Structures are given as C-alpha cells and as structure tokens.
N, C-alpha and C. Protein backbone atom coordinates (compact mmCIF):
# COMPACT_ATOMS: atom_id res chain seq x y z
N MET A 1 0.85 -1.18 0.00
CA MET A 1 0.00 0.00 0.00
C MET A 1 0.89 1.24 0.00
N VAL A 2 0.61 2.16 -0.91
CA VAL A 2 1.36 3.41 -1.01
C VAL A 2 0.67 4.45 -0.13
N LYS A 3 1.43 5.03 0.79
CA LYS A 3 0.88 6.06 1.66
C LYS A 3 1.09 7.42 1.02
N ILE A 4 0.01 8.14 0.83
CA ILE A 4 0.07 9.46 0.22
C ILE A 4 0.23 10.50 1.32
N LYS A 5 1.25 11.32 1.20
CA LYS A 5 1.49 12.37 2.19
C LYS A 5 0.48 13.49 2.00
N LYS A 6 -0.13 13.89 3.09
CA LYS A 6 -1.09 14.99 3.06
C LYS A 6 -0.57 16.13 3.91
N VAL A 7 -0.95 17.33 3.56
CA VAL A 7 -0.56 18.52 4.31
C VAL A 7 -1.80 19.26 4.78
N ASN A 8 -1.64 20.01 5.83
CA ASN A 8 -2.76 20.79 6.37
C ASN A 8 -2.93 22.09 5.61
N THR A 9 -4.18 22.54 5.55
CA THR A 9 -4.50 23.84 5.00
C THR A 9 -5.64 24.42 5.82
N SER A 10 -5.93 25.65 5.61
CA SER A 10 -6.98 26.32 6.36
C SER A 10 -8.08 26.75 5.41
N LEU A 11 -9.30 26.68 5.86
CA LEU A 11 -10.44 27.02 5.02
C LEU A 11 -11.49 27.72 5.88
N ARG A 12 -11.95 28.85 5.42
CA ARG A 12 -12.98 29.59 6.15
C ARG A 12 -14.30 29.46 5.40
N LEU A 13 -15.32 28.98 6.10
CA LEU A 13 -16.65 28.79 5.52
C LEU A 13 -17.69 29.48 6.40
N GLU A 14 -18.81 29.81 5.78
CA GLU A 14 -19.93 30.32 6.57
C GLU A 14 -20.35 29.23 7.55
N LYS A 15 -20.76 29.64 8.73
CA LYS A 15 -21.14 28.69 9.77
C LYS A 15 -22.22 27.72 9.29
N LYS A 16 -23.23 28.24 8.59
CA LYS A 16 -24.34 27.38 8.14
C LYS A 16 -23.89 26.40 7.05
N VAL A 17 -22.91 26.81 6.23
CA VAL A 17 -22.39 25.93 5.19
C VAL A 17 -21.62 24.77 5.82
N LEU A 18 -20.79 25.08 6.80
CA LEU A 18 -20.02 24.03 7.47
C LEU A 18 -20.95 23.06 8.20
N LYS A 19 -21.97 23.60 8.84
CA LYS A 19 -22.93 22.74 9.55
C LYS A 19 -23.62 21.79 8.59
N ALA A 20 -24.06 22.30 7.44
CA ALA A 20 -24.73 21.46 6.44
C ALA A 20 -23.76 20.40 5.90
N LEU A 21 -22.51 20.79 5.71
CA LEU A 21 -21.50 19.86 5.21
C LEU A 21 -21.23 18.75 6.22
N LYS A 22 -21.16 19.10 7.50
CA LYS A 22 -20.95 18.10 8.54
C LYS A 22 -22.12 17.12 8.61
N ILE A 23 -23.33 17.63 8.49
CA ILE A 23 -24.52 16.77 8.51
C ILE A 23 -24.49 15.81 7.34
N LEU A 24 -24.16 16.31 6.15
CA LEU A 24 -24.05 15.45 4.96
C LEU A 24 -22.98 14.38 5.15
N ALA A 25 -21.86 14.76 5.72
CA ALA A 25 -20.78 13.81 5.94
C ALA A 25 -21.24 12.68 6.87
N ILE A 26 -21.95 13.03 7.91
CA ILE A 26 -22.48 12.03 8.83
C ILE A 26 -23.47 11.12 8.11
N GLU A 27 -24.38 11.71 7.35
CA GLU A 27 -25.39 10.92 6.62
C GLU A 27 -24.76 9.99 5.60
N LYS A 28 -23.67 10.42 4.97
CA LYS A 28 -22.99 9.62 3.95
C LYS A 28 -21.90 8.72 4.54
N GLU A 29 -21.76 8.78 5.87
CA GLU A 29 -20.73 8.01 6.58
C GLU A 29 -19.34 8.25 6.00
N THR A 30 -19.01 9.53 5.88
CA THR A 30 -17.71 9.96 5.39
C THR A 30 -17.25 11.14 6.22
N SER A 31 -16.26 11.85 5.76
CA SER A 31 -15.76 13.01 6.49
C SER A 31 -15.88 14.27 5.64
N VAL A 32 -15.85 15.40 6.32
CA VAL A 32 -15.84 16.68 5.62
C VAL A 32 -14.60 16.74 4.74
N GLN A 33 -13.48 16.30 5.25
CA GLN A 33 -12.23 16.30 4.48
C GLN A 33 -12.38 15.50 3.19
N ALA A 34 -12.97 14.32 3.28
CA ALA A 34 -13.14 13.48 2.08
C ALA A 34 -14.05 14.14 1.06
N ILE A 35 -15.13 14.76 1.52
CA ILE A 35 -16.06 15.44 0.60
C ILE A 35 -15.34 16.58 -0.11
N ILE A 36 -14.63 17.42 0.64
CA ILE A 36 -13.94 18.56 0.05
C ILE A 36 -12.85 18.10 -0.91
N GLU A 37 -12.09 17.08 -0.52
CA GLU A 37 -11.02 16.58 -1.38
C GLU A 37 -11.59 16.03 -2.69
N ASN A 38 -12.70 15.29 -2.61
CA ASN A 38 -13.34 14.78 -3.83
C ASN A 38 -13.83 15.90 -4.73
N LEU A 39 -14.42 16.93 -4.14
CA LEU A 39 -14.88 18.07 -4.93
C LEU A 39 -13.73 18.79 -5.61
N ILE A 40 -12.61 18.92 -4.90
CA ILE A 40 -11.44 19.57 -5.49
C ILE A 40 -10.89 18.74 -6.65
N HIS A 41 -10.82 17.41 -6.47
CA HIS A 41 -10.35 16.54 -7.55
C HIS A 41 -11.25 16.68 -8.78
N GLU A 42 -12.57 16.72 -8.57
CA GLU A 42 -13.52 16.89 -9.68
C GLU A 42 -13.30 18.23 -10.37
N TYR A 43 -13.10 19.29 -9.59
CA TYR A 43 -12.89 20.62 -10.15
C TYR A 43 -11.62 20.67 -10.99
N ILE A 44 -10.56 20.10 -10.46
CA ILE A 44 -9.28 20.08 -11.19
C ILE A 44 -9.43 19.30 -12.49
N LYS A 45 -10.07 18.14 -12.42
CA LYS A 45 -10.27 17.30 -13.61
C LYS A 45 -11.09 18.04 -14.67
N LYS A 46 -12.14 18.71 -14.22
CA LYS A 46 -13.02 19.44 -15.14
C LYS A 46 -12.31 20.63 -15.78
N ASN A 47 -11.45 21.29 -15.04
CA ASN A 47 -10.84 22.53 -15.50
C ASN A 47 -9.41 22.39 -16.00
N LYS A 48 -8.88 21.19 -15.97
CA LYS A 48 -7.50 20.97 -16.42
C LYS A 48 -7.38 21.30 -17.89
N GLY A 49 -6.39 22.09 -18.22
CA GLY A 49 -6.17 22.45 -19.61
C GLY A 49 -6.90 23.68 -20.06
N LYS A 50 -7.84 24.16 -19.23
CA LYS A 50 -8.57 25.38 -19.58
C LYS A 50 -7.75 26.57 -19.12
N SER A 51 -7.63 27.56 -19.99
CA SER A 51 -6.91 28.77 -19.59
C SER A 51 -7.90 29.77 -19.02
N GLU A 52 -7.45 30.49 -18.00
CA GLU A 52 -8.29 31.52 -17.41
C GLU A 52 -8.14 32.80 -18.20
N LYS A 53 -9.23 33.53 -18.29
CA LYS A 53 -9.24 34.79 -19.03
C LYS A 53 -9.16 35.95 -18.09
C-alpha cells in the first residue's frame, strides 16, 4: 500500500455551510475532508487544460 502524504491547509466557511456539510458527511458516513477533497479533484479534472481569461 502506497501512503500518500497529506498537508494541512486552512479554510474559512460560513457557519451554516459548514454545519450542512458536517450533517451530509455524517449521513454519507464519510468526512468533511473526504467530501472537500473529492470536490477539489472533480474541479481540477473538469478545468485541467482550460486557460483563465
């Protein structure tokens, strides 16, 4: 098994957004970190190769 090194970062969210995200994580039996990381991977995949204007 290959262990992927992770680093810490900071993220500021509206209180109600974080609360909703935590509830979803509990309902999906996952973590807020996993949800955010998956969303970031999707965003990068979708936008890779696109130039910003």
